[in-house]
Amino acid sequence: MEAVARVTTITAASEKSFQDAVEKAVARASKTLRGVTGAEIESQKVKVEDGRITEYRATVNVTFILEG
């Protein structure tokens, strides 16, 4: 039987790091989607206030297998 995969895009934020933002995105996707098999970081951005980074943002493409 052949597997069919789907990709969904999730954006998450963290005050700590890009890695933490990516981990939050994958954890959140795994709560809702079954069969998560991988993720690709599409983009990374930061929020700056008064010359300081206040938030790290990661947009992540999460791949999961469709059941069926």
Protein backbone atom coordinates (compact mmCIF):
# COMPACT_ATOMS: atom_id res chain seq x y z
CA MET A 1 0.00 0.00 0.00
CA GLU A 2 1.33 3.42 -0.93
CA ALA A 3 1.45 6.26 1.55
CA VAL A 4 0.22 9.74 0.72
CA ALA A 5 1.70 12.68 2.59
CA ARG A 6 0.46 16.20 3.14
CA VAL A 7 2.33 19.34 4.20
CA THR A 8 0.90 22.07 6.39
CA THR A 9 2.57 25.34 7.36
CA ILE A 10 2.74 26.47 10.98
CA THR A 11 4.28 29.60 12.48
CA ALA A 12 5.39 29.58 16.11
CA ALA A 13 7.14 32.10 18.35
CA SER A 14 9.49 31.94 21.32
CA GLU A 15 11.20 34.45 23.56
CA LYS A 16 14.17 32.03 23.90
CA SER A 17 15.42 30.88 20.49
CA PHE A 18 14.65 29.74 16.96
CA GLN A 19 15.10 26.13 18.09
CA ASP A 20 12.47 26.61 20.79
CA ALA A 21 10.06 28.14 18.25
CA VAL A 22 10.56 25.16 15.89
CA GLU A 23 10.06 22.68 18.74
CA LYS A 24 6.83 24.47 19.71
CA ALA A 25 5.57 24.29 16.12
CA VAL A 26 6.28 20.55 15.83
CA ALA A 27 4.80 19.81 19.27
CA ARG A 28 1.63 21.74 18.43
CA ALA A 29 1.27 20.03 15.05
CA SER A 30 1.71 16.62 16.70
CA LYS A 31 -1.21 17.34 19.05
CA THR A 32 -3.60 17.80 16.13
CA LEU A 33 -2.09 15.77 13.29
CA ARG A 34 -1.43 12.04 13.39
CA GLY A 35 1.51 10.59 11.53
CA VAL A 36 3.89 13.56 11.60
CA THR A 37 7.06 12.38 9.89
CA GLY A 38 9.15 15.50 9.37
CA ALA A 39 9.47 19.24 9.25
CA GLU A 40 11.32 21.82 7.16
CA ILE A 41 12.09 25.32 8.37
CA GLU A 42 10.73 27.69 5.73
CA SER A 43 11.77 30.96 7.36
CA GLN A 44 13.09 32.53 10.52
CA LYS A 45 12.34 36.07 11.65
CA VAL A 46 12.84 38.12 14.77
CA LYS A 47 10.80 40.83 16.45
CA VAL A 48 12.93 43.78 17.57
CA GLU A 49 12.00 46.35 20.20
CA ASP A 50 14.35 49.14 21.34
CA GLY A 51 17.24 47.53 19.47
CA ARG A 52 16.81 44.15 21.19
CA ILE A 53 15.44 40.85 19.90
CA THR A 54 12.27 40.18 21.86
CA GLU A 55 10.85 37.24 19.93
CA TYR A 56 12.06 34.51 17.57
CA ARG A 57 9.59 33.33 14.93
CA ALA A 58 9.83 30.22 12.80
CA THR A 59 7.61 29.20 9.92
CA VAL A 60 7.74 25.42 9.58
CA ASN A 61 6.36 23.06 6.91
CA VAL A 62 5.22 19.94 8.75
CA THR A 63 4.79 16.69 6.80
CA PHE A 64 2.32 14.04 7.89
CA ILE A 65 0.95 10.82 6.39
CA LEU A 66 -2.72 10.72 5.41
CA GLU A 67 -4.59 7.73 6.76
CA GLY A 68 -6.82 5.76 4.71
